Amino acid sequence: GVSRRRRGEGRRVRNVAVLLVALVAGAAGALGVRWWQYDEHVLPGVQVAGVDLGGMSAGRAEEALALELGEQLERRVTVRVRDRLVQVRPSASLRLDAATTAAAAVEAGRGSFWQQVRSLVPVIAPDRVLQPVVRIDAAGAAGAMRRLGRSLPTPRAATVRMDGVEPVVVASKRGVRVARPPFLERLRTSAL
């Protein structure tokens, strides 16, 4: 009786060990297939400004970004400047760098071996939200600032002029000047 029980326990332990080895080998094989599947592709869960790029090649991600975010940059947005609301088209001042953004998306989640493993396991794959790379079109931004400035009261500094030997002070005039960097950042945030 005792030797038969030991043999039965030995078989169970061996069967459990074989099952565990098979599970580990299967999981490693599945991970290897996913690793190969996403080689030079955007890892699952990567998004840029609401555009899901997971599984796309760099070229396809660039096309998707240019299409989706390009449309967003073409839509007019309302910007408040002091007490006035002004309609502005962000594409006049901002340019999406879709190629650089797509390259960053492909690299997202590939920092270390374990980061990449985590990104490839569907159950625990984290969402990675990236900001699009946007460049300022200097000429377009200058033109937009000029157009915006024409619709606003122009400030004028006080001056002194001479009327014969008498100095005459010309009072300043209140107005509005738009600060370019904060304006462009708010424009970018509103558009994307």
C-alpha atoms as a PDB file:
ATOM      1  CA  GLY A   1       0.000   0.000   0.000  1.00  0.00           C
ATOM      2  CA  VAL A   2       2.694   2.558   0.949  1.00  0.00           C
ATOM      3  CA  SER A   3       4.795   2.107  -2.192  1.00  0.00           C
ATOM      4  CA  ARG A   4       1.687   2.344  -4.407  1.00  0.00           C
ATOM      5  CA  ARG A   5       0.701   5.634  -2.693  1.00  0.00           C
ATOM      6  CA  ARG A   6       4.251   7.000  -3.144  1.00  0.00           C
ATOM      7  CA  ARG A   7       4.187   6.075  -6.822  1.00  0.00           C
ATOM      8  CA  GLY A   8       0.814   7.823  -7.200  1.00  0.00           C
ATOM      9  CA  GLU A   9       2.136  10.956  -5.449  1.00  0.00           C
ATOM     10  CA  GLY A  10       5.256  10.856  -7.596  1.00  0.00           C
ATOM     11  CA  ARG A  11       3.152  10.739 -10.760  1.00  0.00           C
ATOM     12  CA  ARG A  12       1.020  13.668  -9.578  1.00  0.00           C
ATOM     13  CA  VAL A  13       4.116  15.754  -8.804  1.00  0.00           C
ATOM     14  CA  ARG A  14       5.620  14.830 -12.172  1.00  0.00           C
ATOM     15  CA  ASN A  15       2.338  15.627 -13.975  1.00  0.00           C
ATOM     16  CA  VAL A  16       2.074  19.000 -12.214  1.00  0.00           C
ATOM     17  CA  ALA A  17       5.713  19.761 -13.073  1.00  0.00           C
ATOM     18  CA  VAL A  18       5.155  18.818 -16.733  1.00  0.00           C
ATOM     19  CA  LEU A  19       2.006  20.974 -16.802  1.00  0.00           C
ATOM     20  CA  LEU A  20       3.860  23.948 -15.281  1.00  0.00           C
ATOM     21  CA  VAL A  21       6.721  23.579 -17.767  1.00  0.00           C
ATOM     22  CA  ALA A  22       4.193  23.398 -20.632  1.00  0.00           C
ATOM     23  CA  LEU A  23       2.397  26.524 -19.367  1.00  0.00           C
ATOM     24  CA  VAL A  24       5.646  28.471 -19.010  1.00  0.00           C
ATOM     25  CA  ALA A  25       6.808  27.324 -22.462  1.00  0.00           C
ATOM     26  CA  GLY A  26       3.431  28.246 -23.986  1.00  0.00           C
ATOM     27  CA  ALA A  27       3.473  31.689 -22.351  1.00  0.00           C
ATOM     28  CA  ALA A  28       7.060  32.269 -23.509  1.00  0.00           C
ATOM     29  CA  GLY A  29       6.117  31.157 -27.037  1.00  0.00           C
ATOM     30  CA  ALA A  30       3.082  33.471 -27.110  1.00  0.00           C
ATOM     31  CA  LEU A  31       5.218  36.343 -25.825  1.00  0.00           C
ATOM     32  CA  GLY A  32       7.820  35.595 -28.492  1.00  0.00           C
ATOM     33  CA  VAL A  33       5.182  35.703 -31.227  1.00  0.00           C
ATOM     34  CA  ARG A  34       3.867  39.064 -29.930  1.00  0.00           C
ATOM     35  CA  TRP A  35       7.428  40.387 -29.668  1.00  0.00           C
ATOM     36  CA  TRP A  36       8.030  39.459 -33.309  1.00  0.00           C
ATOM     37  CA  GLN A  37       4.584  40.787 -34.325  1.00  0.00           C
ATOM     38  CA  TYR A  38       5.302  44.243 -32.846  1.00  0.00           C
ATOM     39  CA  ASP A  39       8.938  44.485 -33.933  1.00  0.00           C
ATOM     40  CA  GLU A  40       9.262  47.917 -35.603  1.00  0.00           C
ATOM     41  CA  HIS A  41       5.584  48.592 -34.896  1.00  0.00           C
ATOM     42  CA  VAL A  42       3.873  50.732 -32.281  1.00  0.00           C
ATOM     43  CA  LEU A  43       3.227  48.718 -29.112  1.00  0.00           C
ATOM     44  CA  PRO A  44      -0.371  48.188 -27.926  1.00  0.00           C
ATOM     45  CA  GLY A  45      -1.931  51.011 -25.916  1.00  0.00           C
ATOM     46  CA  VAL A  46       0.063  53.885 -27.458  1.00  0.00           C
ATOM     47  CA  GLN A  47      -2.034  56.945 -28.279  1.00  0.00           C
ATOM     48  CA  VAL A  48      -1.210  60.414 -29.542  1.00  0.00           C
ATOM     49  CA  ALA A  49      -3.838  63.101 -28.919  1.00  0.00           C
ATOM     50  CA  GLY A  50      -6.625  60.525 -28.901  1.00  0.00           C
ATOM     51  CA  VAL A  51      -5.390  58.611 -31.978  1.00  0.00           C
ATOM     52  CA  ASP A  52      -4.716  54.927 -31.142  1.00  0.00           C
ATOM     53  CA  LEU A  53      -1.560  53.841 -32.985  1.00  0.00           C
ATOM     54  CA  GLY A  54      -1.082  50.367 -31.453  1.00  0.00           C
ATOM     55  CA  GLY A  55       0.098  47.792 -34.015  1.00  0.00           C
ATOM     56  CA  MET A  56       0.857  50.310 -36.775  1.00  0.00           C
ATOM     57  CA  SER A  57       4.171  50.588 -38.579  1.00  0.00           C
ATOM     58  CA  ALA A  58       5.942  53.956 -38.390  1.00  0.00           C
ATOM     59  CA  GLY A  59       4.766  54.817 -41.913  1.00  0.00           C
ATOM     60  CA  ARG A  60       1.147  53.896 -41.211  1.00  0.00           C
ATOM     61  CA  ALA A  61       1.238  55.766 -37.877  1.00  0.00           C
ATOM     62  CA  GLU A  62       2.598  58.844 -39.670  1.00  0.00           C
ATOM     63  CA  GLU A  63      -0.260  58.682 -42.192  1.00  0.00           C
ATOM     64  CA  ALA A  64      -2.888  58.252 -39.469  1.00  0.00           C
ATOM     65  CA  LEU A  65      -1.478  61.181 -37.483  1.00  0.00           C
ATOM     66  CA  ALA A  66      -1.287  63.438 -40.537  1.00  0.00           C
ATOM     67  CA  LEU A  67      -4.887  62.626 -41.423  1.00  0.00           C
ATOM     68  CA  GLU A  68      -6.471  62.810 -37.951  1.00  0.00           C
ATOM     69  CA  LEU A  69      -4.439  65.601 -36.362  1.00  0.00           C
ATOM     70  CA  GLY A  70      -4.109  67.503 -39.636  1.00  0.00           C
ATOM     71  CA  GLU A  71      -7.904  67.793 -39.694  1.00  0.00           C
ATOM     72  CA  GLN A  72      -7.902  69.022 -36.101  1.00  0.00           C
ATOM     73  CA  LEU A  73      -5.333  71.708 -36.913  1.00  0.00           C
ATOM     74  CA  GLU A  74      -7.493  72.896 -39.837  1.00  0.00           C
ATOM     75  CA  ARG A  75     -10.610  73.408 -37.676  1.00  0.00           C
ATOM     76  CA  ARG A  76     -11.049  76.928 -36.383  1.00  0.00           C
ATOM     77  CA  VAL A  77     -10.888  77.360 -32.633  1.00  0.00           C
ATOM     78  CA  THR A  78     -12.220  80.217 -30.566  1.00  0.00           C
ATOM     79  CA  VAL A  79      -9.631  82.071 -28.538  1.00  0.00           C
ATOM     80  CA  ARG A  80     -10.433  84.674 -25.900  1.00  0.00           C
ATOM     81  CA  VAL A  81      -8.183  87.717 -25.940  1.00  0.00           C
ATOM     82  CA  ARG A  82      -9.235  89.973 -23.070  1.00  0.00           C
ATOM     83  CA  ASP A  83     -12.950  90.572 -23.633  1.00  0.00           C
ATOM     84  CA  ARG A  84     -13.024  89.488 -27.275  1.00  0.00           C
ATOM     85  CA  LEU A  85     -13.535  86.082 -28.853  1.00  0.00           C
ATOM     86  CA  VAL A  86     -11.498  85.497 -31.984  1.00  0.00           C
ATOM     87  CA  GLN A  87     -11.664  82.590 -34.457  1.00  0.00           C
ATOM     88  CA  VAL A  88      -8.230  81.234 -35.382  1.00  0.00           C
ATOM     89  CA  ARG A  89      -7.162  78.331 -37.602  1.00  0.00           C
ATOM     90  CA  PRO A  90      -4.233  76.630 -35.795  1.00  0.00           C
ATOM     91  CA  SER A  91      -2.695  75.313 -39.035  1.00  0.00           C
ATOM     92  CA  ALA A  92      -1.795  78.908 -39.950  1.00  0.00           C
ATOM     93  CA  SER A  93       0.790  78.932 -37.137  1.00  0.00           C
ATOM     94  CA  LEU A  94       1.413  75.318 -36.138  1.00  0.00           C
ATOM     95  CA  ARG A  95       2.750  72.388 -38.151  1.00  0.00           C
ATOM     96  CA  LEU A  96       2.435  68.770 -37.063  1.00  0.00           C
ATOM     97  CA  ASP A  97       5.686  66.834 -37.339  1.00  0.00           C
ATOM     98  CA  ALA A  98       3.992  63.497 -38.033  1.00  0.00           C
ATOM     99  CA  ALA A  99       7.240  61.643 -38.821  1.00  0.00           C
ATOM    100  CA  THR A 100       8.909  62.558 -35.523  1.00  0.00           C
ATOM    101  CA  THR A 101       5.704  61.852 -33.589  1.00  0.00           C
ATOM    102  CA  ALA A 102       5.331  58.428 -35.263  1.00  0.00           C
ATOM    103  CA  ALA A 103       8.972  57.572 -34.494  1.00  0.00           C
ATOM    104  CA  ALA A 104       8.393  58.484 -30.826  1.00  0.00           C
ATOM    105  CA  ALA A 105       5.284  56.282 -30.807  1.00  0.00           C
ATOM    106  CA  VAL A 106       7.282  53.302 -32.130  1.00  0.00           C
ATOM    107  CA  GLU A 107       9.854  53.809 -29.345  1.00  0.00           C
ATOM    108  CA  ALA A 108       7.267  54.237 -26.553  1.00  0.00           C
ATOM    109  CA  GLY A 109       7.388  51.372 -24.049  1.00  0.00           C
ATOM    110  CA  ARG A 110      10.693  49.975 -25.289  1.00  0.00           C
ATOM    111  CA  GLY A 111      12.883  51.373 -22.503  1.00  0.00           C
ATOM    112  CA  SER A 112      13.820  48.032 -20.967  1.00  0.00           C
ATOM    113  CA  PHE A 113      13.167  44.335 -21.473  1.00  0.00           C
ATOM    114  CA  TRP A 114      10.548  44.273 -18.711  1.00  0.00           C
ATOM    115  CA  GLN A 115       8.791  47.409 -19.988  1.00  0.00           C
ATOM    116  CA  GLN A 116       8.463  45.820 -23.387  1.00  0.00           C
ATOM    117  CA  VAL A 117       7.232  42.518 -21.912  1.00  0.00           C
ATOM    118  CA  ARG A 118       4.629  44.444 -19.905  1.00  0.00           C
ATOM    119  CA  SER A 119       3.516  46.320 -23.034  1.00  0.00           C
ATOM    120  CA  LEU A 120       3.089  43.082 -24.986  1.00  0.00           C
ATOM    121  CA  VAL A 121       0.922  41.251 -22.438  1.00  0.00           C
ATOM    122  CA  PRO A 122      -2.664  42.234 -23.337  1.00  0.00           C
ATOM    123  CA  VAL A 123      -4.007  41.917 -19.798  1.00  0.00           C
ATOM    124  CA  ILE A 124      -1.504  44.347 -18.252  1.00  0.00           C
ATOM    125  CA  ALA A 125      -0.514  46.507 -21.238  1.00  0.00           C
ATOM    126  CA  PRO A 126      -0.467  50.115 -19.993  1.00  0.00           C
ATOM    127  CA  ASP A 127      -1.915  52.988 -21.966  1.00  0.00           C
ATOM    128  CA  ARG A 128       0.820  55.345 -23.102  1.00  0.00           C
ATOM    129  CA  VAL A 129      -0.385  58.793 -24.105  1.00  0.00           C
ATOM    130  CA  LEU A 130       2.121  60.853 -26.044  1.00  0.00           C
ATOM    131  CA  GLN A 131       1.975  64.495 -27.028  1.00  0.00           C
ATOM    132  CA  PRO A 132       2.271  65.211 -30.748  1.00  0.00           C
ATOM    133  CA  VAL A 133       5.396  67.007 -31.921  1.00  0.00           C
ATOM    134  CA  VAL A 134       4.221  70.373 -33.205  1.00  0.00           C
ATOM    135  CA  ARG A 135       6.513  72.964 -34.783  1.00  0.00           C
ATOM    136  CA  ILE A 136       5.832  76.677 -34.969  1.00  0.00           C
ATOM    137  CA  ASP A 137       5.671  78.101 -38.475  1.00  0.00           C
ATOM    138  CA  ALA A 138       7.397  81.438 -37.798  1.00  0.00           C
ATOM    139  CA  ALA A 139       5.990  83.223 -40.846  1.00  0.00           C
ATOM    140  CA  GLY A 140       2.497  81.841 -40.264  1.00  0.00           C
ATOM    141  CA  ALA A 141       2.601  82.733 -36.574  1.00  0.00           C
ATOM    142  CA  ALA A 142       3.775  86.270 -37.350  1.00  0.00           C
ATOM    143  CA  GLY A 143       0.936  86.683 -39.862  1.00  0.00           C
ATOM    144  CA  ALA A 144      -1.623  85.325 -37.409  1.00  0.00           C
ATOM    145  CA  MET A 145      -0.360  87.673 -34.705  1.00  0.00           C
ATOM    146  CA  ARG A 146      -0.633  90.643 -37.105  1.00  0.00           C
ATOM    147  CA  ARG A 147      -4.193  89.690 -38.105  1.00  0.00           C
ATOM    148  CA  LEU A 148      -5.112  89.208 -34.477  1.00  0.00           C
ATOM    149  CA  GLY A 149      -3.522  92.538 -33.546  1.00  0.00           C
ATOM    150  CA  ARG A 150      -5.586  94.398 -36.165  1.00  0.00           C
ATOM    151  CA  SER A 151      -8.801  93.326 -34.469  1.00  0.00           C
ATOM    152  CA  LEU A 152      -7.650  94.554 -31.043  1.00  0.00           C
ATOM    153  CA  PRO A 153      -7.102  98.051 -29.661  1.00  0.00           C
ATOM    154  CA  THR A 154      -3.441  98.972 -30.141  1.00  0.00           C
ATOM    155  CA  PRO A 155      -1.606 100.245 -27.075  1.00  0.00           C
ATOM    156  CA  ARG A 156       0.404 103.446 -27.363  1.00  0.00           C
ATOM    157  CA  ALA A 157       3.023 104.620 -24.912  1.00  0.00           C
ATOM    158  CA  ALA A 158       2.893 108.187 -23.591  1.00  0.00           C
ATOM    159  CA  THR A 159       5.120 110.616 -25.461  1.00  0.00           C
ATOM    160  CA  VAL A 160       6.396 114.123 -25.004  1.00  0.00           C
ATOM    161  CA  ARG A 161       6.548 116.598 -27.869  1.00  0.00           C
ATOM    162  CA  MET A 162       7.582 120.183 -27.941  1.00  0.00           C
ATOM    163  CA  ASP A 163       5.199 122.999 -28.899  1.00  0.00           C
ATOM    164  CA  GLY A 164       7.716 125.763 -29.350  1.00  0.00           C
ATOM    165  CA  VAL A 165       9.463 125.888 -25.980  1.00  0.00           C
ATOM    166  CA  GLU A 166       6.574 124.207 -24.139  1.00  0.00           C
ATOM    167  CA  PRO A 167       6.682 120.434 -23.597  1.00  0.00           C
ATOM    168  CA  VAL A 168       3.348 118.756 -24.348  1.00  0.00           C
ATOM    169  CA  VAL A 169       2.591 115.307 -22.934  1.00  0.00           C
ATOM    170  CA  VAL A 170       0.547 113.026 -25.154  1.00  0.00           C
ATOM    171  CA  ALA A 171      -1.243 110.547 -22.936  1.00  0.00           C
ATOM    172  CA  SER A 172      -0.835 106.840 -23.382  1.00  0.00           C
ATOM    173  CA  LYS A 173      -3.597 104.777 -24.879  1.00  0.00           C
ATOM    174  CA  ARG A 174      -4.666 101.465 -23.399  1.00  0.00           C
ATOM    175  CA  GLY A 175      -4.638  98.504 -25.704  1.00  0.00           C
ATOM    176  CA  VAL A 176      -3.947  94.828 -25.964  1.00  0.00           C
ATOM    177  CA  ARG A 177      -0.852  93.014 -27.127  1.00  0.00           C
ATOM    178  CA  VAL A 178      -0.951  89.271 -27.460  1.00  0.00           C
ATOM    179  CA  ALA A 179       2.011  87.449 -25.925  1.00  0.00           C
ATOM    180  CA  ARG A 180       3.156  85.065 -28.641  1.00  0.00           C
ATOM    181  CA  PRO A 181       4.471  81.990 -26.694  1.00  0.00           C
ATOM    182  CA  PRO A 182       1.464  81.651 -24.365  1.00  0.00           C
ATOM    183  CA  PHE A 183      -0.918  82.316 -27.256  1.00  0.00           C
ATOM    184  CA  LEU A 184       0.648  79.609 -29.424  1.00  0.00           C
ATOM    185  CA  GLU A 185       0.667  77.112 -26.535  1.00  0.00           C
ATOM    186  CA  ARG A 186      -3.014  77.763 -25.834  1.00  0.00           C
ATOM    187  CA  LEU A 187      -3.745  77.472 -29.543  1.00  0.00           C
ATOM    188  CA  ARG A 188      -1.964  74.105 -29.617  1.00  0.00           C
ATOM    189  CA  THR A 189      -3.826  72.883 -26.549  1.00  0.00           C
ATOM    190  CA  SER A 190      -7.183  74.001 -27.958  1.00  0.00           C
ATOM    191  CA  ALA A 191      -6.585  72.370 -31.332  1.00  0.00           C
ATOM    192  CA  LEU A 192      -5.184  69.046 -30.141  1.00  0.00           C
END
